[in-house]
PDB file of N, CA and C in Angstrom:
ATOM      1  N   MET A   1      94.475  78.391  90.499  1.00  0.00           N
ATOM      2  CA  MET A   1      95.714  78.075  91.144  1.00  0.00           C
ATOM      3  C   MET A   1      95.869  78.962  92.371  1.00  0.00           C
ATOM      4  N   ALA A   2      95.944  78.367  93.517  1.00  0.00           N
ATOM      5  CA  ALA A   2      96.112  79.122  94.749  1.00  0.00           C
ATOM      6  C   ALA A   2      97.554  79.608  94.880  1.00  0.00           C
ATOM      7  N   LEU A   3      97.701  80.791  95.436  1.00  0.00           N
ATOM      8  CA  LEU A   3      99.031  81.326  95.696  1.00  0.00           C
ATOM      9  C   LEU A   3      99.521  80.810  97.042  1.00  0.00           C
ATOM     10  N   PRO A   4     100.838  80.715  97.234  1.00  0.00           N
ATOM     11  CA  PRO A   4     101.365  80.194  98.497  1.00  0.00           C
ATOM     12  C   PRO A   4     101.285  81.187  99.654  1.00  0.00           C
ATOM     13  N   ALA A   5     100.958  82.438  99.380  1.00  0.00           N
ATOM     14  CA  ALA A   5     100.850  83.460 100.422  1.00  0.00           C
ATOM     15  C   ALA A   5      99.631  84.325 100.131  1.00  0.00           C
ATOM     16  N   PRO A   6      99.169  85.079 101.141  1.00  0.00           N
ATOM     17  CA  PRO A   6      97.953  85.872 100.939  1.00  0.00           C
ATOM     18  C   PRO A   6      98.169  87.093 100.061  1.00  0.00           C
ATOM     19  N   CYS A   7      97.042  87.647  99.630  1.00  0.00           N
ATOM     20  CA  CYS A   7      97.024  88.912  98.903  1.00  0.00           C
ATOM     21  C   CYS A   7      96.265  89.907  99.784  1.00  0.00           C
ATOM     22  N   TYR A   8      96.928  90.978 100.164  1.00  0.00           N
ATOM     23  CA  TYR A   8      96.297  92.031 100.947  1.00  0.00           C
ATOM     24  C   TYR A   8      95.568  92.968  99.989  1.00  0.00           C
ATOM     25  N   VAL A   9      94.295  93.246 100.279  1.00  0.00           N
ATOM     26  CA  VAL A   9      93.496  94.085  99.386  1.00  0.00           C
ATOM     27  C   VAL A   9      92.947  95.273 100.168  1.00  0.00           C
ATOM     28  N   GLY A  10      93.180  96.469  99.640  1.00  0.00           N
ATOM     29  CA  GLY A  10      92.684  97.682 100.264  1.00  0.00           C
ATOM     30  C   GLY A  10      91.884  98.516  99.282  1.00  0.00           C
ATOM     31  N   LYS A  11      91.115  99.447  99.836  1.00  0.00           N
ATOM     32  CA  LYS A  11      90.308 100.353  99.001  1.00  0.00           C
ATOM     33  C   LYS A  11      90.250 101.706  99.677  1.00  0.00           C
ATOM     34  N   ASP A  12      89.968 102.737  98.892  1.00  0.00           N
ATOM     35  CA  ASP A  12      89.827 104.069  99.461  1.00  0.00           C
ATOM     36  C   ASP A  12      88.356 104.466  99.512  1.00  0.00           C
ATOM     37  N   THR A  13      88.108 105.744  99.760  1.00  0.00           N
ATOM     38  CA  THR A  13      86.736 106.220  99.991  1.00  0.00           C
ATOM     39  C   THR A  13      86.002 106.668  98.738  1.00  0.00           C
ATOM     40  N   HIS A  14      86.620 106.589  97.572  1.00  0.00           N
ATOM     41  CA  HIS A  14      85.936 106.997  96.343  1.00  0.00           C
ATOM     42  C   HIS A  14      84.715 106.109  96.082  1.00  0.00           C
ATOM     43  N   ALA A  15      83.700 106.687  95.502  1.00  0.00           N
ATOM     44  CA  ALA A  15      82.423 105.990  95.292  1.00  0.00           C
ATOM     45  C   ALA A  15      82.560 104.708  94.484  1.00  0.00           C
ATOM     46  N   LEU A  16      83.443 104.683  93.517  1.00  0.00           N
ATOM     47  CA  LEU A  16      83.562 103.499  92.665  1.00  0.00           C
ATOM     48  C   LEU A  16      84.530 102.450  93.212  1.00  0.00           C
ATOM     49  N   SER A  17      85.141 102.737  94.355  1.00  0.00           N
ATOM     50  CA  SER A  17      86.064 101.762  94.934  1.00  0.00           C
ATOM     51  C   SER A  17      85.338 100.507  95.411  1.00  0.00           C
ATOM     52  N   GLU A  18      84.159 100.664  95.973  1.00  0.00           N
ATOM     53  CA  GLU A  18      83.434  99.508  96.511  1.00  0.00           C
ATOM     54  C   GLU A  18      83.082  98.483  95.434  1.00  0.00           C
ATOM     55  N   PRO A  19      82.478  98.867  94.299  1.00  0.00           N
ATOM     56  CA  PRO A  19      82.192  97.845  93.288  1.00  0.00           C
ATOM     57  C   PRO A  19      83.467  97.210  92.725  1.00  0.00           C
ATOM     58  N   ALA A  20      84.524  97.988  92.582  1.00  0.00           N
ATOM     59  CA  ALA A  20      85.788  97.418  92.104  1.00  0.00           C
ATOM     60  C   ALA A  20      86.353  96.455  93.137  1.00  0.00           C
ATOM     61  N   PHE A  21      86.235  96.805  94.408  1.00  0.00           N
ATOM     62  CA  PHE A  21      86.687  95.961  95.515  1.00  0.00           C
ATOM     63  C   PHE A  21      85.962  94.614  95.481  1.00  0.00           C
ATOM     64  N   ILE A  22      84.655  94.653  95.309  1.00  0.00           N
ATOM     65  CA  ILE A  22      83.866  93.417  95.250  1.00  0.00           C
ATOM     66  C   ILE A  22      84.301  92.564  94.065  1.00  0.00           C
ATOM     67  N   SER A  23      84.515  93.175  92.925  1.00  0.00           N
ATOM     68  CA  SER A  23      84.974  92.423  91.741  1.00  0.00           C
ATOM     69  C   SER A  23      86.321  91.763  91.989  1.00  0.00           C
ATOM     70  N   VAL A  24      87.242  92.507  92.590  1.00  0.00           N
ATOM     71  CA  VAL A  24      88.564  91.945  92.892  1.00  0.00           C
ATOM     72  C   VAL A  24      88.431  90.750  93.825  1.00  0.00           C
ATOM     73  N   LEU A  25      87.626  90.888  94.873  1.00  0.00           N
ATOM     74  CA  LEU A  25      87.448  89.779  95.818  1.00  0.00           C
ATOM     75  C   LEU A  25      86.846  88.556  95.137  1.00  0.00           C
ATOM     76  N   GLU A  26      85.873  88.769  94.255  1.00  0.00           N
ATOM     77  CA  GLU A  26      85.253  87.650  93.543  1.00  0.00           C
ATOM     78  C   GLU A  26      86.261  86.928  92.657  1.00  0.00           C
ATOM     79  N   VAL A  27      87.080  87.675  91.941  1.00  0.00           N
ATOM     80  CA  VAL A  27      88.072  87.060  91.049  1.00  0.00           C
ATOM     81  C   VAL A  27      89.121  86.304  91.857  1.00  0.00           C
ATOM     82  N   LEU A  28      89.604  86.921  92.924  1.00  0.00           N
ATOM     83  CA  LEU A  28      90.615  86.247  93.741  1.00  0.00           C
ATOM     84  C   LEU A  28      90.048  84.985  94.389  1.00  0.00           C
ATOM     85  N   ALA A  29      88.838  85.069  94.920  1.00  0.00           N
ATOM     86  CA  ALA A  29      88.212  83.899  95.542  1.00  0.00           C
ATOM     87  C   ALA A  29      87.994  82.786  94.526  1.00  0.00           C
ATOM     88  N   ALA A  30      87.569  83.140  93.328  1.00  0.00           N
ATOM     89  CA  ALA A  30      87.337  82.132  92.286  1.00  0.00           C
ATOM     90  C   ALA A  30      88.623  81.420  91.895  1.00  0.00           C
ATOM     91  N   ASN A  31      89.755  82.067  92.172  1.00  0.00           N
ATOM     92  CA  ASN A  31      91.044  81.472  91.837  1.00  0.00           C
ATOM     93  C   ASN A  31      91.776  80.926  93.058  1.00  0.00           C
ATOM     94  N   GLY A  32      91.057  80.800  94.165  1.00  0.00           N
ATOM     95  CA  GLY A  32      91.614  80.174  95.355  1.00  0.00           C
ATOM     96  C   GLY A  32      92.671  80.979  96.082  1.00  0.00           C
ATOM     97  N   VAL A  33      92.651  82.288  95.918  1.00  0.00           N
ATOM     98  CA  VAL A  33      93.644  83.138  96.570  1.00  0.00           C
ATOM     99  C   VAL A  33      93.149  83.512  97.969  1.00  0.00           C
ATOM    100  N   ASP A  34      94.006  83.325  98.975  1.00  0.00           N
ATOM    101  CA  ASP A  34      93.687  83.782 100.322  1.00  0.00           C
ATOM    102  C   ASP A  34      93.820  85.299 100.350  1.00  0.00           C
ATOM    103  N   VAL A  35      92.780  85.970 100.832  1.00  0.00           N
ATOM    104  CA  VAL A  35      92.738  87.428 100.815  1.00  0.00           C
ATOM    105  C   VAL A  35      92.630  87.950 102.241  1.00  0.00           C
ATOM    106  N   ILE A  36      93.353  89.027 102.511  1.00  0.00           N
ATOM    107  CA  ILE A  36      93.254  89.712 103.795  1.00  0.00           C
ATOM    108  C   ILE A  36      92.792  91.136 103.511  1.00  0.00           C
ATOM    109  N   VAL A  37      91.709  91.553 104.197  1.00  0.00           N
ATOM    110  CA  VAL A  37      91.151  92.895 104.011  1.00  0.00           C
ATOM    111  C   VAL A  37      91.028  93.588 105.365  1.00  0.00           C
ATOM    112  N   GLN A  38      90.766  94.884 105.322  1.00  0.00           N
ATOM    113  CA  GLN A  38      90.576  95.681 106.527  1.00  0.00           C
ATOM    114  C   GLN A  38      89.383  95.152 107.313  1.00  0.00           C
ATOM    115  N   GLU A  39      89.534  95.082 108.616  1.00  0.00           N
ATOM    116  CA  GLU A  39      88.452  94.636 109.490  1.00  0.00           C
ATOM    117  C   GLU A  39      87.214  95.516 109.301  1.00  0.00           C
ATOM    118  N   ASN A  40      86.060  94.927 109.374  1.00  0.00           N
ATOM    119  CA  ASN A  40      84.771  95.620 109.254  1.00  0.00           C
ATOM    120  C   ASN A  40      84.585  96.317 107.910  1.00  0.00           C
ATOM    121  N   ASN A  41      85.217  95.793 106.868  1.00  0.00           N
ATOM    122  CA  ASN A  41      85.070  96.337 105.518  1.00  0.00           C
ATOM    123  C   ASN A  41      85.482  97.810 105.443  1.00  0.00           C
ATOM    124  N   GLY A  42      86.470  98.177 106.254  1.00  0.00           N
ATOM    125  CA  GLY A  42      86.902  99.569 106.309  1.00  0.00           C
ATOM    126  C   GLY A  42      87.781  99.979 105.142  1.00  0.00           C
ATOM    127  N   PHE A  43      88.080 101.261 105.105  1.00  0.00           N
ATOM    128  CA  PHE A  43      88.956 101.811 104.078  1.00  0.00           C
ATOM    129  C   PHE A  43      90.403 101.634 104.516  1.00  0.00           C
ATOM    130  N   THR A  44      91.289 101.486 103.551  1.00  0.00           N
ATOM    131  CA  THR A  44      92.680 101.175 103.856  1.00  0.00           C
ATOM    132  C   THR A  44      93.615 102.082 103.066  1.00  0.00           C
ATOM    133  N   PRO A  45      94.392 102.917 103.742  1.00  0.00           N
ATOM    134  CA  PRO A  45      95.361 103.742 103.022  1.00  0.00           C
ATOM    135  C   PRO A  45      96.425 102.867 102.356  1.00  0.00           C
ATOM    136  N   THR A  46      96.899 103.296 101.218  1.00  0.00           N
ATOM    137  CA  THR A  46      97.925 102.539 100.492  1.00  0.00           C
ATOM    138  C   THR A  46      99.120 102.193 101.373  1.00  0.00           C
ATOM    139  N   PRO A  47      99.639 103.124 102.196  1.00  0.00           N
ATOM    140  CA  PRO A  47     100.784 102.756 103.036  1.00  0.00           C
ATOM    141  C   PRO A  47     100.481 101.630 104.027  1.00  0.00           C
ATOM    142  N   ALA A  48      99.229 101.512 104.463  1.00  0.00           N
ATOM    143  CA  ALA A  48      98.876 100.430 105.386  1.00  0.00           C
ATOM    144  C   ALA A  48      98.958  99.077 104.697  1.00  0.00           C
ATOM    145  N   VAL A  49      98.520  99.006 103.450  1.00  0.00           N
ATOM    146  CA  VAL A  49      98.631  97.755 102.691  1.00  0.00           C
ATOM    147  C   VAL A  49     100.101  97.425 102.465  1.00  0.00           C
ATOM    148  N   SER A  50     100.880  98.419 102.085  1.00  0.00           N
ATOM    149  CA  SER A  50     102.313  98.205 101.865  1.00  0.00           C
ATOM    150  C   SER A  50     102.991  97.703 103.133  1.00  0.00           C
ATOM    151  N   ASN A  51     102.667  98.321 104.263  1.00  0.00           N
ATOM    152  CA  ASN A  51     103.261  97.909 105.530  1.00  0.00           C
ATOM    153  C   ASN A  51     102.872  96.478 105.893  1.00  0.00           C
ATOM    154  N   ALA A  52     101.617  96.121 105.698  1.00  0.00           N
ATOM    155  CA  ALA A  52     101.172  94.758 106.008  1.00  0.00           C
ATOM    156  C   ALA A  52     101.940  93.730 105.185  1.00  0.00           C
ATOM    157  N   ILE A  53     102.173  94.038 103.924  1.00  0.00           N
ATOM    158  CA  ILE A  53     102.932  93.125 103.056  1.00  0.00           C
ATOM    159  C   ILE A  53     104.371  93.013 103.550  1.00  0.00           C
ATOM    160  N   LEU A  54     104.991  94.140 103.880  1.00  0.00           N
ATOM    161  CA  LEU A  54     106.373  94.121 104.369  1.00  0.00           C
ATOM    162  C   LEU A  54     106.500  93.321 105.659  1.00  0.00           C
ATOM    163  N   VAL A  55     105.567  93.516 106.590  1.00  0.00           N
ATOM    164  CA  VAL A  55     105.590  92.772 107.854  1.00  0.00           C
ATOM    165  C   VAL A  55     105.450  91.280 107.585  1.00  0.00           C
ATOM    166  N   HIS A  56     104.513  90.912 106.730  1.00  0.00           N
ATOM    167  CA  HIS A  56     104.327  89.496 106.386  1.00  0.00           C
ATOM    168  C   HIS A  56     105.598  88.921 105.769  1.00  0.00           C
ATOM    169  N   ASN A  57     106.169  89.629 104.818  1.00  0.00           N
ATOM    170  CA  ASN A  57     107.312  89.106 104.072  1.00  0.00           C
ATOM    171  C   ASN A  57     108.591  89.031 104.899  1.00  0.00           C
ATOM    172  N   LYS A  58     108.693  89.814 105.973  1.00  0.00           N
ATOM    173  CA  LYS A  58     109.862  89.739 106.857  1.00  0.00           C
ATOM    174  C   LYS A  58     109.912  88.420 107.619  1.00  0.00           C
ATOM    175  N   LYS A  59     108.783  87.746 107.726  1.00  0.00           N
ATOM    176  CA  LYS A  59     108.718  86.481 108.459  1.00  0.00           C
ATOM    177  C   LYS A  59     109.385  85.350 107.698  1.00  0.00           C
ATOM    178  N   GLY A  60     109.672  85.563 106.437  1.00  0.00           N
ATOM    179  CA  GLY A  60     110.238  84.506 105.604  1.00  0.00           C
ATOM    180  C   GLY A  60     109.128  83.654 105.023  1.00  0.00           C
ATOM    181  N   GLY A  61     109.485  82.750 104.165  1.00  0.00           N
ATOM    182  CA  GLY A  61     108.495  81.903 103.518  1.00  0.00           C
ATOM    183  C   GLY A  61     107.935  82.565 102.283  1.00  0.00           C
ATOM    184  N   PRO A  62     106.812  82.060 101.797  1.00  0.00           N
ATOM    185  CA  PRO A  62     106.215  82.613 100.574  1.00  0.00           C
ATOM    186  C   PRO A  62     105.896  84.103 100.741  1.00  0.00           C
ATOM    187  N   LEU A  63     106.126  84.857  99.699  1.00  0.00           N
ATOM    188  CA  LEU A  63     105.926  86.303  99.750  1.00  0.00           C
ATOM    189  C   LEU A  63     104.488  86.696  99.425  1.00  0.00           C
ATOM    190  N   ALA A  64     103.942  87.594 100.236  1.00  0.00           N
ATOM    191  CA  ALA A  64     102.589  88.105 100.027  1.00  0.00           C
ATOM    192  C   ALA A  64     102.589  89.159  98.925  1.00  0.00           C
ATOM    193  N   ASP A  65     101.422  89.400  98.385  1.00  0.00           N
ATOM    194  CA  ASP A  65     101.201  90.437  97.383  1.00  0.00           C
ATOM    195  C   ASP A  65     100.106  91.368  97.884  1.00  0.00           C
ATOM    196  N   GLY A  66      99.806  92.407  97.112  1.00  0.00           N
ATOM    197  CA  GLY A  66      98.755  93.323  97.506  1.00  0.00           C
ATOM    198  C   GLY A  66      98.135  94.043  96.335  1.00  0.00           C
ATOM    199  N   ILE A  67      96.912  94.483  96.552  1.00  0.00           N
ATOM    200  CA  ILE A  67      96.163  95.266  95.574  1.00  0.00           C
ATOM    201  C   ILE A  67      95.505  96.414  96.329  1.00  0.00           C
ATOM    202  N   VAL A  68      95.641  97.618  95.782  1.00  0.00           N
ATOM    203  CA  VAL A  68      94.956  98.777  96.354  1.00  0.00           C
ATOM    204  C   VAL A  68      94.079  99.381  95.266  1.00  0.00           C
ATOM    205  N   ILE A  69      92.820  99.583  95.586  1.00  0.00           N
ATOM    206  CA  ILE A  69      91.867 100.138  94.628  1.00  0.00           C
ATOM    207  C   ILE A  69      91.683 101.616  94.959  1.00  0.00           C
ATOM    208  N   THR A  70      92.167 102.481  94.055  1.00  0.00           N
ATOM    209  CA  THR A  70      92.107 103.918  94.292  1.00  0.00           C
ATOM    210  C   THR A  70      92.362 104.706  93.010  1.00  0.00           C
ATOM    211  N   PRO A  71      91.671 105.824  92.839  1.00  0.00           N
ATOM    212  CA  PRO A  71      92.068 106.727  91.765  1.00  0.00           C
ATOM    213  C   PRO A  71      93.089 107.745  92.279  1.00  0.00           C
ATOM    214  N   SER A  72      93.540 107.561  93.535  1.00  0.00           N
ATOM    215  CA  SER A  72      94.508 108.466  94.146  1.00  0.00           C
ATOM    216  C   SER A  72      93.920 109.868  94.187  1.00  0.00           C
ATOM    217  N   HIS A  73      94.625 110.835  93.660  1.00  0.00           N
ATOM    218  CA  HIS A  73      94.169 112.228  93.679  1.00  0.00           C
ATOM    219  C   HIS A  73      93.374 112.586  92.427  1.00  0.00           C
ATOM    220  N   ASN A  74      93.130 111.607  91.592  1.00  0.00           N
ATOM    221  CA  ASN A  74      92.416 111.836  90.331  1.00  0.00           C
ATOM    222  C   ASN A  74      90.907 111.715  90.528  1.00  0.00           C
ATOM    223  N   PRO A  75      90.117 112.156  89.563  1.00  0.00           N
ATOM    224  CA  PRO A  75      88.661 112.024  89.675  1.00  0.00           C
ATOM    225  C   PRO A  75      88.236 110.551  89.680  1.00  0.00           C
ATOM    226  N   PRO A  76      87.059 110.251  90.245  1.00  0.00           N
ATOM    227  CA  PRO A  76      86.600 108.859  90.363  1.00  0.00           C
ATOM    228  C   PRO A  76      86.622 108.064  89.065  1.00  0.00           C
ATOM    229  N   GLU A  77      86.356 108.711  87.936  1.00  0.00           N
ATOM    230  CA  GLU A  77      86.346 107.955  86.679  1.00  0.00           C
ATOM    231  C   GLU A  77      87.738 107.435  86.309  1.00  0.00           C
ATOM    232  N   ASP A  78      88.765 107.918  86.982  1.00  0.00           N
ATOM    233  CA  ASP A  78      90.121 107.430  86.743  1.00  0.00           C
ATOM    234  C   ASP A  78      90.509 106.325  87.721  1.00  0.00           C
ATOM    235  N   GLY A  79      89.558 105.851  88.511  1.00  0.00           N
ATOM    236  CA  GLY A  79      89.839 104.806  89.493  1.00  0.00           C
ATOM    237  C   GLY A  79      90.385 103.553  88.845  1.00  0.00           C
ATOM    238  N   GLY A  80      91.155 102.813  89.606  1.00  0.00           N
ATOM    239  CA  GLY A  80      91.738 101.595  89.058  1.00  0.00           C
ATOM    240  C   GLY A  80      92.409 100.768  90.123  1.00  0.00           C
ATOM    241  N   ILE A  81      93.092  99.758  89.644  1.00  0.00           N
ATOM    242  CA  ILE A  81      93.768  98.814  90.540  1.00  0.00           C
ATOM    243  C   ILE A  81      95.261  99.003  90.380  1.00  0.00           C
TER     244      ILE A  81
END
């Protein structure tokens, strides 16, 4: 089921963020979700994803969502979505 608005997806620089990022993209694509990611497969700070969603949602219409892949300040084994 496709969503009516995009899902913004970001990741940080932790080593395990990339494989989790790929998994998220595969699942979203398999479910017909339009995804917006950082240009050139770059890293995206959480506030940048939040801001992109807010800017999109101010336009009115269907509301966008977002996913950020990061363990934050925790060790890589605590990484998550």
